[in-house]
Amino acid sequence: MLDYLHEQTFPEGSSMSNEHQQPPVPTQFGVFYPLGYVIVALQSQEDAERMRQLLIDGGYDERDVILWDSAQVATGARELRQSASVIAQIFGAELEAMDKHIELADAGYTFLGAYSPSDLDTQRVMNVARRFRYALAQKYDRFSITEL
């Protein structure tokens, strides 16, 4: 599993698997913002691992489907939450999402991130997610975080 703070997002149309250098931490106003990703909080590590494998079996590159355990999310989100910019604190959508991540991480949820730049990719991920018990599914687009 990869560290919540150091997971990367790539420009639309590109794949993590095509990148050789790590870009900076994906943030917007100092808050975790994985542009182009669907983030799903699953009730168990086993469900998250099964979902990841189903996505890979369905054609996703394994580097485009990431798991974070609850400790990684809780620690990383808290650190980013403390360093969020004034703009993020005023507008708040990103901070609300991060607060929900912290709440679910504290409850033991495992997080899965799947690179889903298109609506079709998002639908594919959600078709798999619906087979599992999840508490949160969010799509990070350029100007919005959409609850799925």
Foldseek 3Di string as FASTA:
>chain_A
DDFQQQDAADDPPDAPVPDDDRDHQDDDQLFRFRAQKKKWWAPAPVLLVVLLVVVVVVPADSSQKDKDWLVRLLVNLVVSLVVGHPVCVVVVPRVVVSVVSNVSSVVTTMMMMGRHNDPVSVVVSVVSVVVGDTDWIWHRHPPDIDTD
